[in-house]
Amino acid sequence: MHAVLSILLPIFGLILLGYGCGLKGWLGAGATDSLNRFVVRLALPAELFLSMAGVSRTQIDHPAFLVAFAGGMLATCAVGFLLDWRRPAMRTHRMAGATIEGLAAGYANTAFIGIPLCLGVFGPAGLPPVVLATLLTVCALFALAIALVELDLQAGDGAGVLWRVAGAVLRNPLVAAPLAGMLVNALGVGVDAPVLHLLTLLAGAASPCALVTIGLFLAETRSIPASGVAVARVVALKLLLQPAITAALAFEILRLPLLWAQSAVLISALPIGTGPFMLARLYDREAGIASRATLISTVLSLITVSLLLAWIT
């Protein structure tokens, strides 16, 4: 139990500090957006770039991990989509709303919580799995959700939507940075010492700032109204169904190496990230469900992740 607390207390402690700062307004108006931009555009990309630039090919050559994690993620999203689609509600753009709920059900907080958690549990060996999971979540799942919402709202302008989505994904620093790191790694190009020192300083700020940002975000969105049944459904899918499917794929079907199997399940069990709410707010679809589910899943994940860590450690 002490080992579990030593891993989780710093992570959830920083989230709680951010939540308290958000409630009290200690960091001022606009702090959530400003700190989020710093993390997403500077600190976290630096960490992702360094991780992929310094990793060996054997460390990331695990296609079965991609299948296990993506399988659990996409299956959970599909269930969330179908359950929302069957809701007895007369509303326009049903596919957009169902897409947001499906996205929330399968969108693990791989970057902001997953990276510090995997580093704490597995050490440096835990970074490649969580970086690959982040790429899958951002490149595959988030891009797919944007495409489905756009197709619904724009009545099937397929080709244009796909081009816009592809461009937006490639311009995302959380995608571009690890891809650039992979390219540097593949070409065997070293990073000059001053640049390496700069990126290392930025990367060191990623985890604490990201966790405080989550707390600020949760405090900011806590009062948005939402359907309790829909929120409970999304949280259950995220914290229970996704790790269960991933565990079956990782341990029973694909039989991954132990560290990669445990990483896949642990990352799948993470709470909902901020991406679904941002997309929901952008398109004005199911923002209440996304925000409330993010808050509740983050709180409950302290229990579910603790149980998983007790099993792993």
C-alpha atoms as a PDB file:
ATOM      1  CA  MET A   1       0.000   0.000   0.000  1.00  0.00           C
ATOM      2  CA  HIS A   2       2.852   2.375   0.802  1.00  0.00           C
ATOM      3  CA  ALA A   3       4.339   1.782  -2.651  1.00  0.00           C
ATOM      4  CA  VAL A   4       0.989   2.558  -4.276  1.00  0.00           C
ATOM      5  CA  LEU A   5       0.565   5.757  -2.271  1.00  0.00           C
ATOM      6  CA  SER A   6       4.099   6.871  -3.072  1.00  0.00           C
ATOM      7  CA  ILE A   7       3.214   6.708  -6.772  1.00  0.00           C
ATOM      8  CA  LEU A   8      -0.306   8.131  -6.673  1.00  0.00           C
ATOM      9  CA  LEU A   9      -0.035  10.778  -3.960  1.00  0.00           C
ATOM     10  CA  PRO A  10       2.210  13.184  -5.922  1.00  0.00           C
ATOM     11  CA  ILE A  11       0.066  12.784  -9.055  1.00  0.00           C
ATOM     12  CA  PHE A  12      -3.364  13.227  -7.487  1.00  0.00           C
ATOM     13  CA  GLY A  13      -1.939  15.699  -4.973  1.00  0.00           C
ATOM     14  CA  LEU A  14      -0.977  18.059  -7.795  1.00  0.00           C
ATOM     15  CA  ILE A  15      -4.422  17.624  -9.354  1.00  0.00           C
ATOM     16  CA  LEU A  16      -5.995  18.480  -6.003  1.00  0.00           C
ATOM     17  CA  LEU A  17      -3.772  21.545  -5.645  1.00  0.00           C
ATOM     18  CA  GLY A  18      -4.851  22.705  -9.085  1.00  0.00           C
ATOM     19  CA  TYR A  19      -8.491  22.099  -8.170  1.00  0.00           C
ATOM     20  CA  GLY A  20      -8.113  24.154  -5.013  1.00  0.00           C
ATOM     21  CA  CYS A  21      -6.420  26.967  -6.925  1.00  0.00           C
ATOM     22  CA  GLY A  22      -9.284  26.900  -9.411  1.00  0.00           C
ATOM     23  CA  LEU A  23     -11.924  27.094  -6.676  1.00  0.00           C
ATOM     24  CA  LYS A  24     -10.172  29.995  -4.957  1.00  0.00           C
ATOM     25  CA  GLY A  25      -9.100  31.780  -8.143  1.00  0.00           C
ATOM     26  CA  TRP A  26      -5.536  31.999  -6.870  1.00  0.00           C
ATOM     27  CA  LEU A  27      -3.979  31.820 -10.348  1.00  0.00           C
ATOM     28  CA  GLY A  28      -6.306  34.405 -11.860  1.00  0.00           C
ATOM     29  CA  ALA A  29      -8.722  34.388 -14.756  1.00  0.00           C
ATOM     30  CA  GLY A  30      -7.560  32.502 -17.835  1.00  0.00           C
ATOM     31  CA  ALA A  31      -5.015  30.442 -15.902  1.00  0.00           C
ATOM     32  CA  THR A  32      -6.429  27.149 -17.170  1.00  0.00           C
ATOM     33  CA  ASP A  33      -6.132  28.077 -20.836  1.00  0.00           C
ATOM     34  CA  SER A  34      -2.696  29.674 -20.433  1.00  0.00           C
ATOM     35  CA  LEU A  35      -1.192  26.781 -18.504  1.00  0.00           C
ATOM     36  CA  ASN A  36      -2.828  24.275 -20.842  1.00  0.00           C
ATOM     37  CA  ARG A  37      -1.284  26.017 -23.857  1.00  0.00           C
ATOM     38  CA  PHE A  38       2.129  25.969 -22.193  1.00  0.00           C
ATOM     39  CA  VAL A  39       1.870  22.239 -21.546  1.00  0.00           C
ATOM     40  CA  VAL A  40       0.406  21.302 -24.937  1.00  0.00           C
ATOM     41  CA  ARG A  41       2.576  23.571 -27.089  1.00  0.00           C
ATOM     42  CA  LEU A  42       5.911  23.556 -25.262  1.00  0.00           C
ATOM     43  CA  ALA A  43       6.537  21.310 -22.255  1.00  0.00           C
ATOM     44  CA  LEU A  44       4.810  18.074 -23.231  1.00  0.00           C
ATOM     45  CA  PRO A  45       6.029  18.146 -26.870  1.00  0.00           C
ATOM     46  CA  ALA A  46       9.585  18.539 -25.556  1.00  0.00           C
ATOM     47  CA  GLU A  47       9.138  15.462 -23.347  1.00  0.00           C
ATOM     48  CA  LEU A  48       7.610  13.443 -26.182  1.00  0.00           C
ATOM     49  CA  PHE A  49      10.350  14.488 -28.607  1.00  0.00           C
ATOM     50  CA  LEU A  50      13.134  13.511 -26.216  1.00  0.00           C
ATOM     51  CA  SER A  51      11.513  10.193 -25.388  1.00  0.00           C
ATOM     52  CA  MET A  52      11.198   9.145 -29.028  1.00  0.00           C
ATOM     53  CA  ALA A  53      14.562  10.602 -30.086  1.00  0.00           C
ATOM     54  CA  GLY A  54      16.359   8.532 -27.471  1.00  0.00           C
ATOM     55  CA  VAL A  55      14.455   5.265 -27.683  1.00  0.00           C
ATOM     56  CA  SER A  56      15.765   2.222 -29.527  1.00  0.00           C
ATOM     57  CA  ARG A  57      13.744   0.457 -32.203  1.00  0.00           C
ATOM     58  CA  THR A  58      13.449  -2.681 -30.090  1.00  0.00           C
ATOM     59  CA  GLN A  59      11.835  -0.632 -27.316  1.00  0.00           C
ATOM     60  CA  ILE A  60       8.919   0.457 -29.527  1.00  0.00           C
ATOM     61  CA  ASP A  61       8.681  -2.504 -31.894  1.00  0.00           C
ATOM     62  CA  HIS A  62       5.583  -3.945 -30.222  1.00  0.00           C
ATOM     63  CA  PRO A  63       2.738  -4.008 -32.774  1.00  0.00           C
ATOM     64  CA  ALA A  64       0.747  -6.334 -30.516  1.00  0.00           C
ATOM     65  CA  PHE A  65       0.647  -3.553 -27.896  1.00  0.00           C
ATOM     66  CA  LEU A  66      -0.862  -1.213 -30.480  1.00  0.00           C
ATOM     67  CA  VAL A  67      -3.498  -3.829 -31.311  1.00  0.00           C
ATOM     68  CA  ALA A  68      -4.335  -4.457 -27.644  1.00  0.00           C
ATOM     69  CA  PHE A  69      -4.578  -0.820 -26.638  1.00  0.00           C
ATOM     70  CA  ALA A  70      -6.343   0.320 -29.809  1.00  0.00           C
ATOM     71  CA  GLY A  71      -8.713  -2.648 -29.634  1.00  0.00           C
ATOM     72  CA  GLY A  72      -9.840  -1.818 -26.108  1.00  0.00           C
ATOM     73  CA  MET A  73     -10.077   1.883 -26.897  1.00  0.00           C
ATOM     74  CA  LEU A  74     -12.084   1.549 -30.122  1.00  0.00           C
ATOM     75  CA  ALA A  75     -14.376  -1.172 -28.777  1.00  0.00           C
ATOM     76  CA  THR A  76     -15.269   0.975 -25.760  1.00  0.00           C
ATOM     77  CA  CYS A  77     -15.863   3.994 -27.974  1.00  0.00           C
ATOM     78  CA  ALA A  78     -18.163   1.942 -30.185  1.00  0.00           C
ATOM     79  CA  VAL A  79     -20.202   0.805 -27.180  1.00  0.00           C
ATOM     80  CA  GLY A  80     -20.479   4.388 -25.920  1.00  0.00           C
ATOM     81  CA  PHE A  81     -21.534   5.579 -29.369  1.00  0.00           C
ATOM     82  CA  LEU A  82     -24.238   2.911 -29.715  1.00  0.00           C
ATOM     83  CA  LEU A  83     -25.641   3.444 -26.210  1.00  0.00           C
ATOM     84  CA  ASP A  84     -25.958   7.187 -26.804  1.00  0.00           C
ATOM     85  CA  TRP A  85     -27.466   6.594 -30.253  1.00  0.00           C
ATOM     86  CA  ARG A  86     -30.248   4.485 -28.707  1.00  0.00           C
ATOM     87  CA  ARG A  87     -31.266   7.175 -26.218  1.00  0.00           C
ATOM     88  CA  PRO A  88     -34.944   8.047 -26.767  1.00  0.00           C
ATOM     89  CA  ALA A  89     -34.342  11.663 -27.709  1.00  0.00           C
ATOM     90  CA  MET A  90     -35.508  13.737 -30.638  1.00  0.00           C
ATOM     91  CA  ARG A  91     -32.586  15.911 -31.561  1.00  0.00           C
ATOM     92  CA  THR A  92     -30.668  16.948 -34.628  1.00  0.00           C
ATOM     93  CA  HIS A  93     -27.095  15.850 -35.318  1.00  0.00           C
ATOM     94  CA  ARG A  94     -27.425  12.644 -33.325  1.00  0.00           C
ATOM     95  CA  MET A  95     -24.178  11.270 -34.734  1.00  0.00           C
ATOM     96  CA  ALA A  96     -22.227  14.266 -33.410  1.00  0.00           C
ATOM     97  CA  GLY A  97     -23.618  13.795 -29.900  1.00  0.00           C
ATOM     98  CA  ALA A  98     -23.068  10.049 -29.951  1.00  0.00           C
ATOM     99  CA  THR A  99     -19.511  10.605 -31.190  1.00  0.00           C
ATOM    100  CA  ILE A 100     -18.704  12.894 -28.261  1.00  0.00           C
ATOM    101  CA  GLU A 101     -20.043  10.342 -25.771  1.00  0.00           C
ATOM    102  CA  GLY A 102     -18.175   7.508 -27.468  1.00  0.00           C
ATOM    103  CA  LEU A 103     -14.996   9.580 -27.484  1.00  0.00           C
ATOM    104  CA  ALA A 104     -15.310  10.297 -23.759  1.00  0.00           C
ATOM    105  CA  ALA A 105     -15.863   6.598 -23.012  1.00  0.00           C
ATOM    106  CA  GLY A 106     -12.567   5.572 -24.616  1.00  0.00           C
ATOM    107  CA  TYR A 107     -10.322   8.644 -24.295  1.00  0.00           C
ATOM    108  CA  ALA A 108      -7.732   7.905 -21.612  1.00  0.00           C
ATOM    109  CA  ASN A 109      -5.726  10.750 -20.132  1.00  0.00           C
ATOM    110  CA  THR A 110      -2.508   9.296 -21.523  1.00  0.00           C
ATOM    111  CA  ALA A 111      -0.472  12.486 -21.686  1.00  0.00           C
ATOM    112  CA  PHE A 112      -1.261  14.476 -18.549  1.00  0.00           C
ATOM    113  CA  ILE A 113      -1.663  11.568 -16.093  1.00  0.00           C
ATOM    114  CA  GLY A 114      -0.372   8.551 -18.032  1.00  0.00           C
ATOM    115  CA  ILE A 115       3.193   9.769 -18.528  1.00  0.00           C
ATOM    116  CA  PRO A 116       3.995  10.617 -14.875  1.00  0.00           C
ATOM    117  CA  LEU A 117       2.139   7.497 -13.714  1.00  0.00           C
ATOM    118  CA  CYS A 118       3.978   5.093 -16.036  1.00  0.00           C
ATOM    119  CA  LEU A 119       7.308   6.702 -15.194  1.00  0.00           C
ATOM    120  CA  GLY A 120       6.534   6.279 -11.510  1.00  0.00           C
ATOM    121  CA  VAL A 121       5.489   2.636 -11.881  1.00  0.00           C
ATOM    122  CA  PHE A 122       7.846   1.271 -14.531  1.00  0.00           C
ATOM    123  CA  GLY A 123      10.654   3.845 -14.662  1.00  0.00           C
ATOM    124  CA  PRO A 124      12.084   4.891 -18.049  1.00  0.00           C
ATOM    125  CA  ALA A 125      10.921   1.567 -19.563  1.00  0.00           C
ATOM    126  CA  GLY A 126       7.337   2.731 -19.093  1.00  0.00           C
ATOM    127  CA  LEU A 127       7.713   5.768 -21.348  1.00  0.00           C
ATOM    128  CA  PRO A 128       7.590   4.095 -24.805  1.00  0.00           C
ATOM    129  CA  PRO A 129       4.223   2.379 -24.160  1.00  0.00           C
ATOM    130  CA  VAL A 130       2.549   5.543 -22.932  1.00  0.00           C
ATOM    131  CA  VAL A 131       3.961   7.615 -25.800  1.00  0.00           C
ATOM    132  CA  LEU A 132       2.603   5.091 -28.306  1.00  0.00           C
ATOM    133  CA  ALA A 133      -0.739   5.131 -26.484  1.00  0.00           C
ATOM    134  CA  THR A 134      -0.765   8.932 -26.652  1.00  0.00           C
ATOM    135  CA  LEU A 135      -0.146   8.835 -30.393  1.00  0.00           C
ATOM    136  CA  LEU A 136      -2.985   6.349 -30.852  1.00  0.00           C
ATOM    137  CA  THR A 137      -5.351   8.418 -28.737  1.00  0.00           C
ATOM    138  CA  VAL A 138      -4.574  11.715 -30.450  1.00  0.00           C
ATOM    139  CA  CYS A 139      -3.900  10.540 -34.006  1.00  0.00           C
ATOM    140  CA  ALA A 140      -6.475   7.786 -34.349  1.00  0.00           C
ATOM    141  CA  LEU A 141      -9.284   8.318 -31.855  1.00  0.00           C
ATOM    142  CA  PHE A 142      -9.442  12.116 -31.672  1.00  0.00           C
ATOM    143  CA  ALA A 143      -9.045  12.487 -35.427  1.00  0.00           C
ATOM    144  CA  LEU A 144     -11.782   9.916 -36.049  1.00  0.00           C
ATOM    145  CA  ALA A 145     -14.109  11.774 -33.679  1.00  0.00           C
ATOM    146  CA  ILE A 146     -13.477  15.109 -35.420  1.00  0.00           C
ATOM    147  CA  ALA A 147     -14.144  13.517 -38.796  1.00  0.00           C
ATOM    148  CA  LEU A 148     -17.448  11.975 -37.653  1.00  0.00           C
ATOM    149  CA  VAL A 149     -18.660  15.217 -36.061  1.00  0.00           C
ATOM    150  CA  GLU A 150     -17.717  17.234 -39.130  1.00  0.00           C
ATOM    151  CA  LEU A 151     -19.381  14.739 -41.462  1.00  0.00           C
ATOM    152  CA  ASP A 152     -22.569  14.988 -39.418  1.00  0.00           C
ATOM    153  CA  LEU A 153     -22.583  18.771 -39.177  1.00  0.00           C
ATOM    154  CA  GLN A 154     -21.600  19.368 -42.790  1.00  0.00           C
ATOM    155  CA  ALA A 155     -23.904  16.751 -44.321  1.00  0.00           C
ATOM    156  CA  GLY A 156     -21.288  14.446 -45.767  1.00  0.00           C
ATOM    157  CA  ASP A 157     -18.555  16.679 -47.174  1.00  0.00           C
ATOM    158  CA  GLY A 158     -16.220  13.713 -46.803  1.00  0.00           C
ATOM    159  CA  ALA A 159     -13.089  14.574 -48.773  1.00  0.00           C
ATOM    160  CA  GLY A 160     -12.849  18.113 -47.430  1.00  0.00           C
ATOM    161  CA  VAL A 161     -13.307  16.955 -43.867  1.00  0.00           C
ATOM    162  CA  LEU A 162     -10.629  14.289 -44.148  1.00  0.00           C
ATOM    163  CA  TRP A 163      -8.080  16.765 -45.491  1.00  0.00           C
ATOM    164  CA  ARG A 164      -8.852  19.265 -42.723  1.00  0.00           C
ATOM    165  CA  VAL A 165      -8.635  16.583 -40.052  1.00  0.00           C
ATOM    166  CA  ALA A 166      -5.328  15.245 -41.395  1.00  0.00           C
ATOM    167  CA  GLY A 167      -3.833  18.734 -41.476  1.00  0.00           C
ATOM    168  CA  ALA A 168      -5.046  19.545 -37.961  1.00  0.00           C
ATOM    169  CA  VAL A 169      -3.664  16.296 -36.541  1.00  0.00           C
ATOM    170  CA  LEU A 170      -0.231  16.744 -38.118  1.00  0.00           C
ATOM    171  CA  ARG A 171      -0.053  20.333 -36.851  1.00  0.00           C
ATOM    172  CA  ASN A 172      -0.848  19.204 -33.312  1.00  0.00           C
ATOM    173  CA  PRO A 173       2.386  19.517 -31.265  1.00  0.00           C
ATOM    174  CA  LEU A 174       1.538  16.320 -29.362  1.00  0.00           C
ATOM    175  CA  VAL A 175       1.680  14.477 -32.689  1.00  0.00           C
ATOM    176  CA  ALA A 176       4.381  16.440 -34.506  1.00  0.00           C
ATOM    177  CA  ALA A 177       6.894  16.320 -31.627  1.00  0.00           C
ATOM    178  CA  PRO A 178       7.139  12.522 -31.171  1.00  0.00           C
ATOM    179  CA  LEU A 179       7.085  12.041 -34.951  1.00  0.00           C
ATOM    180  CA  ALA A 180       9.996  14.484 -35.225  1.00  0.00           C
ATOM    181  CA  GLY A 181      11.763  12.574 -32.479  1.00  0.00           C
ATOM    182  CA  MET A 182      11.259   9.327 -34.396  1.00  0.00           C
ATOM    183  CA  LEU A 183      12.711  10.962 -37.519  1.00  0.00           C
ATOM    184  CA  VAL A 184      15.766  12.248 -35.647  1.00  0.00           C
ATOM    185  CA  ASN A 185      16.213   8.799 -34.158  1.00  0.00           C
ATOM    186  CA  ALA A 186      15.901   7.035 -37.519  1.00  0.00           C
ATOM    187  CA  LEU A 187      18.378   9.395 -39.206  1.00  0.00           C
ATOM    188  CA  GLY A 188      20.876   9.027 -36.377  1.00  0.00           C
ATOM    189  CA  VAL A 189      21.109  12.790 -35.999  1.00  0.00           C
ATOM    190  CA  GLY A 190      22.232  13.879 -32.566  1.00  0.00           C
ATOM    191  CA  VAL A 191      20.762  16.796 -30.640  1.00  0.00           C
ATOM    192  CA  ASP A 192      23.265  19.533 -29.779  1.00  0.00           C
ATOM    193  CA  ALA A 193      23.982  19.950 -26.077  1.00  0.00           C
ATOM    194  CA  PRO A 194      22.434  23.445 -25.687  1.00  0.00           C
ATOM    195  CA  VAL A 195      19.245  22.345 -27.479  1.00  0.00           C
ATOM    196  CA  LEU A 196      19.164  19.144 -25.441  1.00  0.00           C
ATOM    197  CA  HIS A 197      19.473  21.146 -22.218  1.00  0.00           C
ATOM    198  CA  LEU A 198      16.675  23.494 -23.306  1.00  0.00           C
ATOM    199  CA  LEU A 199      14.350  20.609 -24.161  1.00  0.00           C
ATOM    200  CA  THR A 200      15.210  18.827 -20.905  1.00  0.00           C
ATOM    201  CA  LEU A 201      14.265  21.898 -18.875  1.00  0.00           C
ATOM    202  CA  LEU A 202      10.976  22.201 -20.748  1.00  0.00           C
ATOM    203  CA  ALA A 203      10.256  18.481 -20.388  1.00  0.00           C
ATOM    204  CA  GLY A 204      10.804  18.690 -16.636  1.00  0.00           C
ATOM    205  CA  ALA A 205       7.923  21.148 -16.368  1.00  0.00           C
ATOM    206  CA  ALA A 206       5.495  18.956 -18.340  1.00  0.00           C
ATOM    207  CA  SER A 207       4.173  16.599 -15.669  1.00  0.00           C
ATOM    208  CA  PRO A 208       3.644  19.024 -12.736  1.00  0.00           C
ATOM    209  CA  CYS A 209       2.118  21.713 -14.939  1.00  0.00           C
ATOM    210  CA  ALA A 210      -0.115  19.182 -16.717  1.00  0.00           C
ATOM    211  CA  LEU A 211      -1.448  17.795 -13.434  1.00  0.00           C
ATOM    212  CA  VAL A 212      -2.160  21.251 -12.016  1.00  0.00           C
ATOM    213  CA  THR A 213      -3.912  22.102 -15.297  1.00  0.00           C
ATOM    214  CA  ILE A 214      -6.223  19.095 -14.885  1.00  0.00           C
ATOM    215  CA  GLY A 215      -7.199  20.334 -11.419  1.00  0.00           C
ATOM    216  CA  LEU A 216      -7.906  23.824 -12.766  1.00  0.00           C
ATOM    217  CA  PHE A 217      -9.961  22.345 -15.600  1.00  0.00           C
ATOM    218  CA  LEU A 218     -12.022  20.189 -13.245  1.00  0.00           C
ATOM    219  CA  ALA A 219     -12.763  23.161 -10.990  1.00  0.00           C
ATOM    220  CA  GLU A 220     -13.720  25.321 -13.961  1.00  0.00           C
ATOM    221  CA  THR A 221     -16.166  22.815 -15.454  1.00  0.00           C
ATOM    222  CA  ARG A 222     -17.656  21.321 -12.261  1.00  0.00           C
ATOM    223  CA  SER A 223     -20.954  23.216 -12.461  1.00  0.00           C
ATOM    224  CA  ILE A 224     -21.926  22.454 -16.078  1.00  0.00           C
ATOM    225  CA  PRO A 225     -25.255  20.559 -15.995  1.00  0.00           C
ATOM    226  CA  ALA A 226     -25.455  17.038 -17.399  1.00  0.00           C
ATOM    227  CA  SER A 227     -27.598  13.894 -17.476  1.00  0.00           C
ATOM    228  CA  GLY A 228     -26.666  11.721 -14.502  1.00  0.00           C
ATOM    229  CA  VAL A 229     -27.488   8.473 -16.303  1.00  0.00           C
ATOM    230  CA  ALA A 230     -25.342   9.355 -19.322  1.00  0.00           C
ATOM    231  CA  VAL A 231     -22.441  10.442 -17.105  1.00  0.00           C
ATOM    232  CA  ALA A 232     -22.589   7.233 -15.074  1.00  0.00           C
ATOM    233  CA  ARG A 233     -22.647   5.195 -18.276  1.00  0.00           C
ATOM    234  CA  VAL A 234     -19.592   6.946 -19.717  1.00  0.00           C
ATOM    235  CA  VAL A 235     -17.618   6.656 -16.465  1.00  0.00           C
ATOM    236  CA  ALA A 236     -18.402   2.939 -16.158  1.00  0.00           C
ATOM    237  CA  LEU A 237     -17.339   2.293 -19.732  1.00  0.00           C
ATOM    238  CA  LYS A 238     -14.090   4.213 -19.257  1.00  0.00           C
ATOM    239  CA  LEU A 239     -12.978   2.856 -15.897  1.00  0.00           C
ATOM    240  CA  LEU A 240     -14.301  -0.710 -16.156  1.00  0.00           C
ATOM    241  CA  LEU A 241     -15.019  -1.846 -19.711  1.00  0.00           C
ATOM    242  CA  GLN A 242     -11.968  -0.415 -21.467  1.00  0.00           C
ATOM    243  CA  PRO A 243      -9.353  -1.929 -19.121  1.00  0.00           C
ATOM    244  CA  ALA A 244     -11.274  -5.231 -19.104  1.00  0.00           C
ATOM    245  CA  ILE A 245     -11.231  -5.502 -22.908  1.00  0.00           C
ATOM    246  CA  THR A 246      -7.595  -4.404 -23.043  1.00  0.00           C
ATOM    247  CA  ALA A 247      -6.607  -6.940 -20.378  1.00  0.00           C
ATOM    248  CA  ALA A 248      -8.290  -9.754 -22.305  1.00  0.00           C
ATOM    249  CA  LEU A 249      -6.431  -8.741 -25.475  1.00  0.00           C
ATOM    250  CA  ALA A 250      -3.066  -8.109 -23.799  1.00  0.00           C
ATOM    251  CA  PHE A 251      -2.893 -11.131 -21.482  1.00  0.00           C
ATOM    252  CA  GLU A 252      -5.121 -13.807 -22.980  1.00  0.00           C
ATOM    253  CA  ILE A 253      -5.227 -13.292 -26.735  1.00  0.00           C
ATOM    254  CA  LEU A 254      -2.010 -11.508 -27.748  1.00  0.00           C
ATOM    255  CA  ARG A 255       0.083 -12.537 -24.703  1.00  0.00           C
ATOM    256  CA  LEU A 256       2.234  -9.422 -24.579  1.00  0.00           C
ATOM    257  CA  PRO A 257       5.452  -9.223 -22.552  1.00  0.00           C
ATOM    258  CA  LEU A 258       4.551  -8.514 -18.940  1.00  0.00           C
ATOM    259  CA  LEU A 259       5.595  -4.851 -18.809  1.00  0.00           C
ATOM    260  CA  TRP A 260       3.771  -4.043 -22.054  1.00  0.00           C
ATOM    261  CA  ALA A 261       0.645  -5.936 -21.007  1.00  0.00           C
ATOM    262  CA  GLN A 262       0.558  -4.225 -17.614  1.00  0.00           C
ATOM    263  CA  SER A 263       1.186  -0.844 -19.256  1.00  0.00           C
ATOM    264  CA  ALA A 264      -1.651  -1.372 -21.720  1.00  0.00           C
ATOM    265  CA  VAL A 265      -4.127  -2.186 -18.952  1.00  0.00           C
ATOM    266  CA  LEU A 266      -2.938   0.597 -16.645  1.00  0.00           C
ATOM    267  CA  ILE A 267      -3.142   3.235 -19.379  1.00  0.00           C
ATOM    268  CA  SER A 268      -6.576   1.974 -20.421  1.00  0.00           C
ATOM    269  CA  ALA A 269      -7.786   2.386 -16.832  1.00  0.00           C
ATOM    270  CA  LEU A 270      -6.855   6.066 -16.674  1.00  0.00           C
ATOM    271  CA  PRO A 271      -9.636   8.628 -16.291  1.00  0.00           C
ATOM    272  CA  ILE A 272     -11.049  10.641 -19.184  1.00  0.00           C
ATOM    273  CA  GLY A 273      -8.732  13.280 -20.616  1.00  0.00           C
ATOM    274  CA  THR A 274      -9.655  16.860 -21.419  1.00  0.00           C
ATOM    275  CA  GLY A 275      -9.920  16.232 -25.171  1.00  0.00           C
ATOM    276  CA  PRO A 276     -13.606  15.168 -25.265  1.00  0.00           C
ATOM    277  CA  PHE A 277     -14.748  18.261 -23.359  1.00  0.00           C
ATOM    278  CA  MET A 278     -12.697  20.554 -25.592  1.00  0.00           C
ATOM    279  CA  LEU A 279     -14.279  18.985 -28.678  1.00  0.00           C
ATOM    280  CA  ALA A 280     -17.737  19.074 -27.086  1.00  0.00           C
ATOM    281  CA  ARG A 281     -17.366  22.755 -26.239  1.00  0.00           C
ATOM    282  CA  LEU A 282     -16.050  23.536 -29.713  1.00  0.00           C
ATOM    283  CA  TYR A 283     -19.068  21.953 -31.420  1.00  0.00           C
ATOM    284  CA  ASP A 284     -21.597  22.647 -28.623  1.00  0.00           C
ATOM    285  CA  ARG A 285     -22.478  18.952 -28.296  1.00  0.00           C
ATOM    286  CA  GLU A 286     -22.717  17.041 -24.970  1.00  0.00           C
ATOM    287  CA  ALA A 287     -20.343  19.416 -23.145  1.00  0.00           C
ATOM    288  CA  GLY A 288     -22.061  18.731 -19.817  1.00  0.00           C
ATOM    289  CA  ILE A 289     -21.667  14.979 -20.114  1.00  0.00           C
ATOM    290  CA  ALA A 290     -18.014  15.260 -21.141  1.00  0.00           C
ATOM    291  CA  SER A 291     -17.061  17.669 -18.346  1.00  0.00           C
ATOM    292  CA  ARG A 292     -18.930  15.877 -15.547  1.00  0.00           C
ATOM    293  CA  ALA A 293     -17.680  12.455 -16.669  1.00  0.00           C
ATOM    294  CA  THR A 294     -14.116  13.785 -16.700  1.00  0.00           C
ATOM    295  CA  LEU A 295     -14.464  15.068 -13.135  1.00  0.00           C
ATOM    296  CA  ILE A 296     -16.082  11.908 -11.730  1.00  0.00           C
ATOM    297  CA  SER A 297     -13.783   9.498 -13.579  1.00  0.00           C
ATOM    298  CA  THR A 298     -10.733  11.377 -12.268  1.00  0.00           C
ATOM    299  CA  VAL A 299     -11.977  11.107  -8.682  1.00  0.00           C
ATOM    300  CA  LEU A 300     -12.992   7.440  -8.959  1.00  0.00           C
ATOM    301  CA  SER A 301      -9.791   6.498 -10.774  1.00  0.00           C
ATOM    302  CA  LEU A 302      -7.945   7.081  -7.523  1.00  0.00           C
ATOM    303  CA  ILE A 303      -9.632   3.866  -6.352  1.00  0.00           C
ATOM    304  CA  THR A 304      -9.493   1.835  -9.565  1.00  0.00           C
ATOM    305  CA  VAL A 305      -5.921   2.780 -10.407  1.00  0.00           C
ATOM    306  CA  SER A 306      -4.853   2.078  -6.823  1.00  0.00           C
ATOM    307  CA  LEU A 307      -6.274  -1.437  -7.121  1.00  0.00           C
ATOM    308  CA  LEU A 308      -4.431  -1.972 -10.408  1.00  0.00           C
ATOM    309  CA  LEU A 309      -1.176  -0.693  -8.945  1.00  0.00           C
ATOM    310  CA  ALA A 310      -1.543  -3.008  -5.960  1.00  0.00           C
ATOM    311  CA  TRP A 311      -1.852  -5.881  -8.434  1.00  0.00           C
ATOM    312  CA  ILE A 312       1.115  -4.724 -10.538  1.00  0.00           C
ATOM    313  CA  THR A 313       3.462  -3.920  -7.684  1.00  0.00           C
END
